[in-house]
Full PDB file with SEQRES, HELIX, SHEET, SSBOND, CRYST1, ORIGX, SCALE, CONECT and MASTER records, all heavy atoms in Angstrom:
SEQRES   1 A   42  LYS THR ILE GLU ILE PRO LEU ASN ASP ASP PHE GLU LEU          
SEQRES   2 A   42  ILE SER ASP ASP TYR CYS PHE LYS ASP ASP ASN ALA PRO          
SEQRES   3 A   42  GLY LEU ILE VAL PHE ALA ASN PRO ASN ALA PRO THR GLY          
SEQRES   4 A   42  ILE ALA LEU                                                  
HELIX    1 AA1 SER A   15  TYR A   18  5                                   4    
HELIX    2 AA2 ASP A   22  ASN A   24  5                                   3    
CRYST1    1.000    1.000    1.000  90.00  90.00  90.00 P 1           1          
ORIGX1      1.000000  0.000000  0.000000        0.00000                         
ORIGX2      0.000000  1.000000  0.000000        0.00000                         
ORIGX3      0.000000  0.000000  1.000000        0.00000                         
SCALE1      1.000000  0.000000  0.000000        0.00000                         
SCALE2      0.000000  1.000000  0.000000        0.00000                         
SCALE3      0.000000  0.000000  1.000000        0.00000                         
ATOM      1  N   LYS A   1       0.909  -1.139   0.041  1.00  0.00           N  
ATOM      2  CA  LYS A   1      -0.006  -0.034  -0.019  1.00  0.00           C  
ATOM      3  C   LYS A   1       0.881   1.250   0.060  1.00  0.00           C  
ATOM      4  O   LYS A   1       1.846   1.236   0.637  1.00  0.00           O  
ATOM      5  CB  LYS A   1      -0.981   0.063   1.247  1.00  0.00           C  
ATOM      6  CG  LYS A   1      -1.827   1.289   1.339  1.00  0.00           C  
ATOM      7  CD  LYS A   1      -2.549   1.151   2.664  1.00  0.00           C  
ATOM      8  CE  LYS A   1      -3.453   2.491   2.733  1.00  0.00           C  
ATOM      9  NZ  LYS A   1      -4.179   2.491   4.079  1.00  0.00           N  
ATOM     10  N   THR A   2       0.526   2.232  -0.810  1.00  0.00           N  
ATOM     11  CA  THR A   2       1.244   3.504  -0.907  1.00  0.00           C  
ATOM     12  C   THR A   2       0.602   4.702  -0.253  1.00  0.00           C  
ATOM     13  O   THR A   2      -0.586   4.751  -0.376  1.00  0.00           O  
ATOM     14  CB  THR A   2       1.661   3.787  -2.310  1.00  0.00           C  
ATOM     15  OG1 THR A   2       0.329   4.039  -3.082  1.00  0.00           O  
ATOM     16  CG2 THR A   2       2.347   2.672  -2.953  1.00  0.00           C  
ATOM     17  N   ILE A   3       1.393   5.635   0.227  1.00  0.00           N  
ATOM     18  CA  ILE A   3       0.829   6.806   0.778  1.00  0.00           C  
ATOM     19  C   ILE A   3       1.668   7.916  -0.168  1.00  0.00           C  
ATOM     20  O   ILE A   3       2.890   8.068   0.133  1.00  0.00           O  
ATOM     21  CB  ILE A   3       1.123   7.089   2.237  1.00  0.00           C  
ATOM     22  CG1 ILE A   3       0.495   5.989   3.099  1.00  0.00           C  
ATOM     23  CG2 ILE A   3       0.557   8.453   2.750  1.00  0.00           C  
ATOM     24  CD1 ILE A   3       0.909   6.006   4.565  1.00  0.00           C  
ATOM     25  N   GLU A   4       1.002   8.346  -1.057  1.00  0.00           N  
ATOM     26  CA  GLU A   4       1.698   9.357  -2.044  1.00  0.00           C  
ATOM     27  C   GLU A   4       1.408  10.746  -1.669  1.00  0.00           C  
ATOM     28  O   GLU A   4       0.221  11.160  -1.661  1.00  0.00           O  
ATOM     29  CB  GLU A   4       1.315   9.093  -3.457  1.00  0.00           C  
ATOM     30  CG  GLU A   4       1.720   7.735  -4.040  1.00  0.00           C  
ATOM     31  CD  GLU A   4       1.489   7.371  -5.391  1.00  0.00           C  
ATOM     32  OE1 GLU A   4       1.867   8.190  -6.310  1.00  0.00           O  
ATOM     33  OE2 GLU A   4       0.803   6.478  -5.716  1.00  0.00           O  
ATOM     34  N   ILE A   5       2.385  11.465  -1.228  1.00  0.00           N  
ATOM     35  CA  ILE A   5       2.181  12.783  -0.715  1.00  0.00           C  
ATOM     36  C   ILE A   5       2.491  13.938  -1.686  1.00  0.00           C  
ATOM     37  O   ILE A   5       3.658  13.887  -2.197  1.00  0.00           O  
ATOM     38  CB  ILE A   5       3.072  13.045   0.504  1.00  0.00           C  
ATOM     39  CG1 ILE A   5       2.848  11.918   1.613  1.00  0.00           C  
ATOM     40  CG2 ILE A   5       2.886  14.428   1.172  1.00  0.00           C  
ATOM     41  CD1 ILE A   5       3.705  11.814   2.665  1.00  0.00           C  
ATOM     42  N   PRO A   6       1.625  14.746  -2.010  1.00  0.00           N  
ATOM     43  CA  PRO A   6       1.785  15.735  -3.198  1.00  0.00           C  
ATOM     44  C   PRO A   6       2.869  16.697  -2.842  1.00  0.00           C  
ATOM     45  O   PRO A   6       2.910  17.232  -1.728  1.00  0.00           O  
ATOM     46  CB  PRO A   6       0.455  16.377  -3.326  1.00  0.00           C  
ATOM     47  CG  PRO A   6      -0.618  15.447  -2.744  1.00  0.00           C  
ATOM     48  CD  PRO A   6       0.130  14.770  -1.693  1.00  0.00           C  
ATOM     49  N   LEU A   7       3.687  17.070  -3.671  1.00  0.00           N  
ATOM     50  CA  LEU A   7       4.528  18.222  -3.638  1.00  0.00           C  
ATOM     51  C   LEU A   7       3.661  19.404  -3.641  1.00  0.00           C  
ATOM     52  O   LEU A   7       2.457  19.372  -4.163  1.00  0.00           O  
ATOM     53  CB  LEU A   7       5.565  18.254  -4.822  1.00  0.00           C  
ATOM     54  CG  LEU A   7       6.538  17.055  -4.868  1.00  0.00           C  
ATOM     55  CD1 LEU A   7       7.460  17.325  -6.189  1.00  0.00           C  
ATOM     56  CD2 LEU A   7       7.341  16.870  -3.686  1.00  0.00           C  
ATOM     57  N   ASN A   8       4.127  20.581  -3.161  1.00  0.00           N  
ATOM     58  CA  ASN A   8       3.297  21.629  -3.310  1.00  0.00           C  
ATOM     59  C   ASN A   8       3.269  22.292  -4.643  1.00  0.00           C  
ATOM     60  O   ASN A   8       3.891  21.649  -5.626  1.00  0.00           O  
ATOM     61  CB  ASN A   8       3.764  22.742  -2.349  1.00  0.00           C  
ATOM     62  CG  ASN A   8       5.075  23.408  -2.636  1.00  0.00           C  
ATOM     63  OD1 ASN A   8       5.588  23.310  -3.739  1.00  0.00           O  
ATOM     64  ND2 ASN A   8       5.554  24.236  -1.617  1.00  0.00           N  
ATOM     65  N   ASP A   9       2.628  23.511  -4.816  1.00  0.00           N  
ATOM     66  CA  ASP A   9       2.394  24.035  -6.169  1.00  0.00           C  
ATOM     67  C   ASP A   9       3.656  24.485  -6.826  1.00  0.00           C  
ATOM     68  O   ASP A   9       3.708  24.718  -8.151  1.00  0.00           O  
ATOM     69  CB  ASP A   9       1.460  25.177  -6.153  1.00  0.00           C  
ATOM     70  CG  ASP A   9       0.057  24.685  -5.841  1.00  0.00           C  
ATOM     71  OD1 ASP A   9      -0.262  23.524  -6.035  1.00  0.00           O  
ATOM     72  OD2 ASP A   9      -0.825  25.551  -5.554  1.00  0.00           O  
ATOM     73  N   ASP A  10       4.690  24.707  -6.050  1.00  0.00           N  
ATOM     74  CA  ASP A  10       6.041  24.932  -6.501  1.00  0.00           C  
ATOM     75  C   ASP A  10       7.014  23.745  -6.606  1.00  0.00           C  
ATOM     76  O   ASP A  10       8.256  23.898  -6.696  1.00  0.00           O  
ATOM     77  CB  ASP A  10       6.691  25.928  -5.674  1.00  0.00           C  
ATOM     78  CG  ASP A  10       6.009  27.278  -5.673  1.00  0.00           C  
ATOM     79  OD1 ASP A  10       5.596  27.649  -6.735  1.00  0.00           O  
ATOM     80  OD2 ASP A  10       5.772  27.953  -4.560  1.00  0.00           O  
ATOM     81  N   PHE A  11       6.455  22.437  -6.559  1.00  0.00           N  
ATOM     82  CA  PHE A  11       7.101  21.231  -6.621  1.00  0.00           C  
ATOM     83  C   PHE A  11       8.052  20.959  -5.538  1.00  0.00           C  
ATOM     84  O   PHE A  11       9.125  20.280  -5.704  1.00  0.00           O  
ATOM     85  CB  PHE A  11       7.821  21.093  -8.041  1.00  0.00           C  
ATOM     86  CG  PHE A  11       6.852  21.194  -9.131  1.00  0.00           C  
ATOM     87  CD1 PHE A  11       6.785  22.275 -10.017  1.00  0.00           C  
ATOM     88  CD2 PHE A  11       5.996  20.012  -9.473  1.00  0.00           C  
ATOM     89  CE1 PHE A  11       5.810  22.316 -11.014  1.00  0.00           C  
ATOM     90  CE2 PHE A  11       5.082  20.150 -10.600  1.00  0.00           C  
ATOM     91  CZ  PHE A  11       4.991  21.257 -11.249  1.00  0.00           C  
ATOM     92  N   GLU A  12       7.746  21.578  -4.320  1.00  0.00           N  
ATOM     93  CA  GLU A  12       8.639  21.428  -3.168  1.00  0.00           C  
ATOM     94  C   GLU A  12       8.066  20.366  -2.192  1.00  0.00           C  
ATOM     95  O   GLU A  12       6.910  20.174  -2.105  1.00  0.00           O  
ATOM     96  CB  GLU A  12       8.774  22.667  -2.454  1.00  0.00           C  
ATOM     97  CG  GLU A  12       9.433  23.785  -3.255  1.00  0.00           C  
ATOM     98  CD  GLU A  12       9.209  25.218  -2.605  1.00  0.00           C  
ATOM     99  OE1 GLU A  12       8.344  25.425  -1.805  1.00  0.00           O  
ATOM    100  OE2 GLU A  12       9.954  26.116  -2.851  1.00  0.00           O  
ATOM    101  N   LEU A  13       8.935  19.566  -1.755  1.00  0.00           N  
ATOM    102  CA  LEU A  13       8.644  18.566  -0.616  1.00  0.00           C  
ATOM    103  C   LEU A  13       8.399  19.390   0.677  1.00  0.00           C  
ATOM    104  O   LEU A  13       9.467  20.023   1.106  1.00  0.00           O  
ATOM    105  CB  LEU A  13       9.641  17.574  -0.565  1.00  0.00           C  
ATOM    106  CG  LEU A  13       9.387  16.409   0.378  1.00  0.00           C  
ATOM    107  CD1 LEU A  13       9.994  15.132  -0.073  1.00  0.00           C  
ATOM    108  CD2 LEU A  13       9.762  16.674   1.840  1.00  0.00           C  
ATOM    109  N   ILE A  14       7.337  19.189   1.337  1.00  0.00           N  
ATOM    110  CA  ILE A  14       7.016  19.968   2.613  1.00  0.00           C  
ATOM    111  C   ILE A  14       7.264  18.827   3.797  1.00  0.00           C  
ATOM    112  O   ILE A  14       6.460  17.928   3.839  1.00  0.00           O  
ATOM    113  CB  ILE A  14       5.707  20.473   2.690  1.00  0.00           C  
ATOM    114  CG1 ILE A  14       5.456  21.369   1.413  1.00  0.00           C  
ATOM    115  CG2 ILE A  14       5.361  21.261   3.981  1.00  0.00           C  
ATOM    116  CD1 ILE A  14       6.533  22.601   1.326  1.00  0.00           C  
ATOM    117  N   SER A  15       8.137  19.124   4.581  1.00  0.00           N  
ATOM    118  CA  SER A  15       8.477  18.191   5.649  1.00  0.00           C  
ATOM    119  C   SER A  15       7.335  17.955   6.614  1.00  0.00           C  
ATOM    120  O   SER A  15       7.188  16.875   6.990  1.00  0.00           O  
ATOM    121  CB  SER A  15       9.678  18.668   6.493  1.00  0.00           C  
ATOM    122  OG  SER A  15       9.524  19.956   7.009  1.00  0.00           O  
ATOM    123  N   ASP A  16       6.491  18.836   6.932  1.00  0.00           N  
ATOM    124  CA  ASP A  16       5.341  18.763   7.867  1.00  0.00           C  
ATOM    125  C   ASP A  16       4.388  17.691   7.326  1.00  0.00           C  
ATOM    126  O   ASP A  16       3.676  17.058   8.120  1.00  0.00           O  
ATOM    127  CB  ASP A  16       4.638  20.010   7.994  1.00  0.00           C  
ATOM    128  CG  ASP A  16       5.518  21.010   8.932  1.00  0.00           C  
ATOM    129  OD1 ASP A  16       6.405  20.573   9.629  1.00  0.00           O  
ATOM    130  OD2 ASP A  16       5.111  22.258   8.831  1.00  0.00           O  
ATOM    131  N   ASP A  17       4.365  17.548   5.989  1.00  0.00           N  
ATOM    132  CA  ASP A  17       3.473  16.470   5.501  1.00  0.00           C  
ATOM    133  C   ASP A  17       3.925  15.092   5.817  1.00  0.00           C  
ATOM    134  O   ASP A  17       3.163  14.063   5.533  1.00  0.00           O  
ATOM    135  CB  ASP A  17       3.277  16.656   3.887  1.00  0.00           C  
ATOM    136  CG  ASP A  17       2.753  17.941   3.474  1.00  0.00           C  
ATOM    137  OD1 ASP A  17       2.003  18.555   4.366  1.00  0.00           O  
ATOM    138  OD2 ASP A  17       2.863  18.309   2.375  1.00  0.00           O  
ATOM    139  N   TYR A  18       5.160  14.839   6.196  1.00  0.00           N  
ATOM    140  CA  TYR A  18       5.732  13.571   6.477  1.00  0.00           C  
ATOM    141  C   TYR A  18       5.802  13.306   7.949  1.00  0.00           C  
ATOM    142  O   TYR A  18       6.517  12.353   8.324  1.00  0.00           O  
ATOM    143  CB  TYR A  18       7.187  13.542   5.777  1.00  0.00           C  
ATOM    144  CG  TYR A  18       6.946  13.399   4.288  1.00  0.00           C  
ATOM    145  CD1 TYR A  18       6.800  14.708   3.610  1.00  0.00           C  
ATOM    146  CD2 TYR A  18       7.124  12.369   3.589  1.00  0.00           C  
ATOM    147  CE1 TYR A  18       6.654  14.633   2.177  1.00  0.00           C  
ATOM    148  CE2 TYR A  18       7.098  12.263   2.138  1.00  0.00           C  
ATOM    149  CZ  TYR A  18       6.824  13.494   1.557  1.00  0.00           C  
ATOM    150  OH  TYR A  18       6.638  13.423   0.109  1.00  0.00           O  
ATOM    151  N   CYS A  19       5.120  14.124   8.791  1.00  0.00           N  
ATOM    152  CA  CYS A  19       5.223  13.738  10.284  1.00  0.00           C  
ATOM    153  C   CYS A  19       3.891  12.886  10.475  1.00  0.00           C  
ATOM    154  O   CYS A  19       2.876  13.506  10.767  1.00  0.00           O  
ATOM    155  CB  CYS A  19       5.256  15.037  10.962  1.00  0.00           C  
ATOM    156  SG  CYS A  19       6.790  15.923  10.656  1.00  0.00           S  
ATOM    157  N   PHE A  20       4.088  11.580  10.647  1.00  0.00           N  
ATOM    158  CA  PHE A  20       2.937  10.690  10.783  1.00  0.00           C  
ATOM    159  C   PHE A  20       2.682  10.420  12.367  1.00  0.00           C  
ATOM    160  O   PHE A  20       3.662  10.467  13.171  1.00  0.00           O  
ATOM    161  CB  PHE A  20       3.248   9.384  10.100  1.00  0.00           C  
ATOM    162  CG  PHE A  20       3.251   9.553   8.631  1.00  0.00           C  
ATOM    163  CD1 PHE A  20       4.481   9.743   7.963  1.00  0.00           C  
ATOM    164  CD2 PHE A  20       2.101   9.340   7.932  1.00  0.00           C  
ATOM    165  CE1 PHE A  20       4.482   9.798   6.671  1.00  0.00           C  
ATOM    166  CE2 PHE A  20       2.179   9.451   6.531  1.00  0.00           C  
ATOM    167  CZ  PHE A  20       3.321   9.704   5.833  1.00  0.00           C  
ATOM    168  N   LYS A  21       1.400  10.055  12.729  1.00  0.00           N  
ATOM    169  CA  LYS A  21       1.101   9.546  14.075  1.00  0.00           C  
ATOM    170  C   LYS A  21       1.370   8.187  13.950  1.00  0.00           C  
ATOM    171  O   LYS A  21       1.343   7.465  12.970  1.00  0.00           O  
ATOM    172  CB  LYS A  21      -0.341  10.026  14.330  1.00  0.00           C  
ATOM    173  CG  LYS A  21      -0.684  11.439  14.370  1.00  0.00           C  
ATOM    174  CD  LYS A  21      -2.103  11.695  14.743  1.00  0.00           C  
ATOM    175  CE  LYS A  21      -2.408  13.256  14.625  1.00  0.00           C  
ATOM    176  NZ  LYS A  21      -1.580  13.992  15.558  1.00  0.00           N  
ATOM    177  N   ASP A  22       1.664   7.609  15.276  1.00  0.00           N  
ATOM    178  CA  ASP A  22       1.928   6.272  15.324  1.00  0.00           C  
ATOM    179  C   ASP A  22       0.876   5.339  14.821  1.00  0.00           C  
ATOM    180  O   ASP A  22       1.286   4.234  14.307  1.00  0.00           O  
ATOM    181  CB  ASP A  22       2.102   5.905  16.866  1.00  0.00           C  
ATOM    182  CG  ASP A  22       3.407   6.496  17.441  1.00  0.00           C  
ATOM    183  OD1 ASP A  22       4.259   7.002  16.628  1.00  0.00           O  
ATOM    184  OD2 ASP A  22       3.563   6.451  18.644  1.00  0.00           O  
ATOM    185  N   ASP A  23      -0.358   5.676  14.847  1.00  0.00           N  
ATOM    186  CA  ASP A  23      -1.439   4.778  14.442  1.00  0.00           C  
ATOM    187  C   ASP A  23      -1.493   4.654  12.947  1.00  0.00           C  
ATOM    188  O   ASP A  23      -2.180   3.722  12.369  1.00  0.00           O  
ATOM    189  CB  ASP A  23      -2.791   5.023  15.045  1.00  0.00           C  
ATOM    190  CG  ASP A  23      -3.118   6.494  14.791  1.00  0.00           C  
ATOM    191  OD1 ASP A  23      -2.472   7.235  14.167  1.00  0.00           O  
ATOM    192  OD2 ASP A  23      -4.289   6.855  15.057  1.00  0.00           O  
ATOM    193  N   ASN A  24      -0.926   5.510  12.196  1.00  0.00           N  
ATOM    194  CA  ASN A  24      -0.994   5.373  10.743  1.00  0.00           C  
ATOM    195  C   ASN A  24       0.397   5.595  10.075  1.00  0.00           C  
ATOM    196  O   ASN A  24       0.519   5.998   8.936  1.00  0.00           O  
ATOM    197  CB  ASN A  24      -1.929   6.379  10.184  1.00  0.00           C  
ATOM    198  CG  ASN A  24      -1.358   7.845  10.271  1.00  0.00           C  
ATOM    199  OD1 ASN A  24      -0.518   8.168  11.161  1.00  0.00           O  
ATOM    200  ND2 ASN A  24      -1.911   8.851   9.457  1.00  0.00           N  
ATOM    201  N   ALA A  25       1.420   5.288  10.853  1.00  0.00           N  
ATOM    202  CA  ALA A  25       2.829   5.263  10.391  1.00  0.00           C  
ATOM    203  C   ALA A  25       3.101   4.299   9.361  1.00  0.00           C  
ATOM    204  O   ALA A  25       2.812   3.277   9.523  1.00  0.00           O  
ATOM    205  CB  ALA A  25       3.723   5.264  11.519  1.00  0.00           C  
ATOM    206  N   PRO A  26       3.809   4.704   8.241  1.00  0.00           N  
ATOM    207  CA  PRO A  26       4.266   3.710   7.292  1.00  0.00           C  
ATOM    208  C   PRO A  26       5.595   3.026   7.784  1.00  0.00           C  
ATOM    209  O   PRO A  26       6.187   3.512   8.739  1.00  0.00           O  
ATOM    210  CB  PRO A  26       4.707   4.575   6.057  1.00  0.00           C  
ATOM    211  CG  PRO A  26       5.012   5.934   6.673  1.00  0.00           C  
ATOM    212  CD  PRO A  26       4.242   6.163   7.860  1.00  0.00           C  
ATOM    213  N   GLY A  27       5.789   1.811   7.261  1.00  0.00           N  
ATOM    214  CA  GLY A  27       7.058   1.179   7.682  1.00  0.00           C  
ATOM    215  C   GLY A  27       8.262   1.882   7.087  1.00  0.00           C  
ATOM    216  O   GLY A  27       9.311   1.811   7.661  1.00  0.00           O  
ATOM    217  N   LEU A  28       8.038   2.462   5.898  1.00  0.00           N  
ATOM    218  CA  LEU A  28       9.181   3.180   5.164  1.00  0.00           C  
ATOM    219  C   LEU A  28       8.756   4.473   4.652  1.00  0.00           C  
ATOM    220  O   LEU A  28       7.676   4.576   4.077  1.00  0.00           O  
ATOM    221  CB  LEU A  28       9.681   2.248   4.050  1.00  0.00           C  
ATOM    222  CG  LEU A  28      10.809   2.778   3.206  1.00  0.00           C  
ATOM    223  CD1 LEU A  28      12.035   2.859   4.025  1.00  0.00           C  
ATOM    224  CD2 LEU A  28      10.996   1.811   2.004  1.00  0.00           C  
ATOM    225  N   ILE A  29       9.590   5.467   4.750  1.00  0.00           N  
ATOM    226  CA  ILE A  29       9.381   6.819   4.129  1.00  0.00           C  
ATOM    227  C   ILE A  29      10.696   6.874   3.237  1.00  0.00           C  
ATOM    228  O   ILE A  29      11.848   6.775   3.586  1.00  0.00           O  
ATOM    229  CB  ILE A  29       9.311   7.879   5.124  1.00  0.00           C  
ATOM    230  CG1 ILE A  29       8.179   7.754   6.086  1.00  0.00           C  
ATOM    231  CG2 ILE A  29       9.213   9.206   4.335  1.00  0.00           C  
ATOM    232  CD1 ILE A  29       8.067   8.662   7.279  1.00  0.00           C  
ATOM    233  N   VAL A  30      10.444   7.222   1.905  1.00  0.00           N  
ATOM    234  CA  VAL A  30      11.510   7.313   1.040  1.00  0.00           C  
ATOM    235  C   VAL A  30      11.286   8.489   0.039  1.00  0.00           C  
ATOM    236  O   VAL A  30      10.226   8.872  -0.317  1.00  0.00           O  
ATOM    237  CB  VAL A  30      11.683   6.024   0.152  1.00  0.00           C  
ATOM    238  CG1 VAL A  30      10.402   5.626  -0.672  1.00  0.00           C  
ATOM    239  CG2 VAL A  30      12.961   6.087  -0.796  1.00  0.00           C  
ATOM    240  N   PHE A  31      12.356   9.302  -0.131  1.00  0.00           N  
ATOM    241  CA  PHE A  31      12.353  10.459  -0.951  1.00  0.00           C  
ATOM    242  C   PHE A  31      13.741  10.621  -1.498  1.00  0.00           C  
ATOM    243  O   PHE A  31      14.774  10.398  -0.836  1.00  0.00           O  
ATOM    244  CB  PHE A  31      11.700  11.616  -0.332  1.00  0.00           C  
ATOM    245  CG  PHE A  31      12.492  12.113   0.959  1.00  0.00           C  
ATOM    246  CD1 PHE A  31      13.516  12.927   0.947  1.00  0.00           C  
ATOM    247  CD2 PHE A  31      12.127  11.532   2.167  1.00  0.00           C  
ATOM    248  CE1 PHE A  31      14.228  13.291   2.114  1.00  0.00           C  
ATOM    249  CE2 PHE A  31      12.645  11.955   3.446  1.00  0.00           C  
ATOM    250  CZ  PHE A  31      13.683  12.800   3.287  1.00  0.00           C  
ATOM    251  N   ALA A  32      13.895  11.178  -2.587  1.00  0.00           N  
ATOM    252  CA  ALA A  32      15.152  11.450  -3.335  1.00  0.00           C  
ATOM    253  C   ALA A  32      15.457  12.990  -2.947  1.00  0.00           C  
ATOM    254  O   ALA A  32      14.521  13.787  -2.882  1.00  0.00           O  
ATOM    255  CB  ALA A  32      15.033  11.442  -4.803  1.00  0.00           C  
ATOM    256  N   ASN A  33      16.719  13.216  -2.577  1.00  0.00           N  
ATOM    257  CA  ASN A  33      17.144  14.608  -2.119  1.00  0.00           C  
ATOM    258  C   ASN A  33      18.523  14.902  -2.639  1.00  0.00           C  
ATOM    259  O   ASN A  33      19.617  14.262  -2.176  1.00  0.00           O  
ATOM    260  CB  ASN A  33      17.075  14.725  -0.675  1.00  0.00           C  
ATOM    261  CG  ASN A  33      17.280  16.254  -0.167  1.00  0.00           C  
ATOM    262  OD1 ASN A  33      16.556  17.137  -0.882  1.00  0.00           O  
ATOM    263  ND2 ASN A  33      18.014  16.479   0.790  1.00  0.00           N  
ATOM    264  N   PRO A  34      18.621  15.682  -3.700  1.00  0.00           N  
ATOM    265  CA  PRO A  34      17.687  16.475  -4.470  1.00  0.00           C  
ATOM    266  C   PRO A  34      16.719  15.546  -5.139  1.00  0.00           C  
ATOM    267  O   PRO A  34      16.986  14.344  -5.466  1.00  0.00           O  
ATOM    268  CB  PRO A  34      18.429  17.290  -5.435  1.00  0.00           C  
ATOM    269  CG  PRO A  34      19.829  17.267  -4.837  1.00  0.00           C  
ATOM    270  CD  PRO A  34      20.101  16.036  -4.140  1.00  0.00           C  
ATOM    271  N   ASN A  35      15.565  16.091  -5.368  1.00  0.00           N  
ATOM    272  CA  ASN A  35      14.367  15.274  -5.829  1.00  0.00           C  
ATOM    273  C   ASN A  35      14.498  15.065  -7.317  1.00  0.00           C  
ATOM    274  O   ASN A  35      15.230  15.812  -8.095  1.00  0.00           O  
ATOM    275  CB  ASN A  35      13.020  15.921  -5.577  1.00  0.00           C  
ATOM    276  CG  ASN A  35      11.870  14.949  -5.682  1.00  0.00           C  
ATOM    277  OD1 ASN A  35      12.023  13.727  -5.822  1.00  0.00           O  
ATOM    278  ND2 ASN A  35      10.674  15.513  -5.862  1.00  0.00           N  
ATOM    279  N   ALA A  36      13.967  13.999  -7.797  1.00  0.00           N  
ATOM    280  CA  ALA A  36      13.863  13.734  -9.342  1.00  0.00           C  
ATOM    281  C   ALA A  36      12.417  13.596  -9.613  1.00  0.00           C  
ATOM    282  O   ALA A  36      11.775  12.848  -8.908  1.00  0.00           O  
ATOM    283  CB  ALA A  36      14.659  12.519  -9.565  1.00  0.00           C  
ATOM    284  N   PRO A  37      11.933  14.225 -10.741  1.00  0.00           N  
ATOM    285  CA  PRO A  37      12.741  14.955 -11.768  1.00  0.00           C  
ATOM    286  C   PRO A  37      12.865  16.443 -11.603  1.00  0.00           C  
ATOM    287  O   PRO A  37      13.336  17.134 -12.404  1.00  0.00           O  
ATOM    288  CB  PRO A  37      11.974  14.666 -13.010  1.00  0.00           C  
ATOM    289  CG  PRO A  37      10.609  14.719 -12.494  1.00  0.00           C  
ATOM    290  CD  PRO A  37      10.575  13.995 -11.150  1.00  0.00           C  
ATOM    291  N   THR A  38      12.525  16.984 -10.297  1.00  0.00           N  
ATOM    292  CA  THR A  38      12.519  18.470 -10.227  1.00  0.00           C  
ATOM    293  C   THR A  38      13.829  18.975  -9.905  1.00  0.00           C  
ATOM    294  O   THR A  38      14.027  20.277 -10.224  1.00  0.00           O  
ATOM    295  CB  THR A  38      11.534  18.819  -9.023  1.00  0.00           C  
ATOM    296  OG1 THR A  38      12.112  18.374  -7.813  1.00  0.00           O  
ATOM    297  CG2 THR A  38      10.223  18.170  -9.211  1.00  0.00           C  
ATOM    298  N   GLY A  39      14.849  18.342  -9.247  1.00  0.00           N  
ATOM    299  CA  GLY A  39      16.120  18.790  -8.985  1.00  0.00           C  
ATOM    300  C   GLY A  39      16.100  19.640  -7.755  1.00  0.00           C  
ATOM    301  O   GLY A  39      17.164  20.057  -7.220  1.00  0.00           O  
ATOM    302  N   ILE A  40      14.982  19.834  -7.033  1.00  0.00           N  
ATOM    303  CA  ILE A  40      14.827  20.747  -5.987  1.00  0.00           C  
ATOM    304  C   ILE A  40      15.303  20.027  -4.668  1.00  0.00           C  
ATOM    305  O   ILE A  40      14.992  18.740  -4.465  1.00  0.00           O  
ATOM    306  CB  ILE A  40      13.367  21.223  -5.741  1.00  0.00           C  
ATOM    307  CG1 ILE A  40      13.033  22.044  -6.946  1.00  0.00           C  
ATOM    308  CG2 ILE A  40      13.279  22.015  -4.578  1.00  0.00           C  
ATOM    309  CD1 ILE A  40      11.552  22.527  -7.008  1.00  0.00           C  
ATOM    310  N   ALA A  41      16.107  20.545  -3.797  1.00  0.00           N  
ATOM    311  CA  ALA A  41      16.761  19.946  -2.696  1.00  0.00           C  
ATOM    312  C   ALA A  41      16.077  20.433  -1.363  1.00  0.00           C  
ATOM    313  O   ALA A  41      15.864  21.549  -1.164  1.00  0.00           O  
ATOM    314  CB  ALA A  41      18.248  20.195  -2.600  1.00  0.00           C  
ATOM    315  N   LEU A  42      15.924  19.539  -0.415  1.00  0.00           N  
ATOM    316  CA  LEU A  42      15.466  19.853   0.841  1.00  0.00           C  
ATOM    317  C   LEU A  42      16.595  20.100   1.834  1.00  0.00           C  
ATOM    318  O   LEU A  42      17.648  19.495   1.700  1.00  0.00           O  
ATOM    319  CB  LEU A  42      14.633  18.605   1.477  1.00  0.00           C  
ATOM    320  CG  LEU A  42      13.708  18.830   2.572  1.00  0.00           C  
ATOM    321  CD1 LEU A  42      12.665  19.695   2.145  1.00  0.00           C  
ATOM    322  CD2 LEU A  42      13.036  17.444   2.906  1.00  0.00           C  
TER     323      LEU A  42                                                      
MASTER        0    0    0    2    0    0    0    6  322    1    0    4          
END                                                                             
């Protein structure tokens, strides 16, 4: 099962969107930094 989190309108990854509560936490969070294909770095 996937939890796909939208980048914002400027194609930026927003860290607050990745702060999960224990009862719905994924086993793995993965992201490219700098991101592909946008090239934007966190």
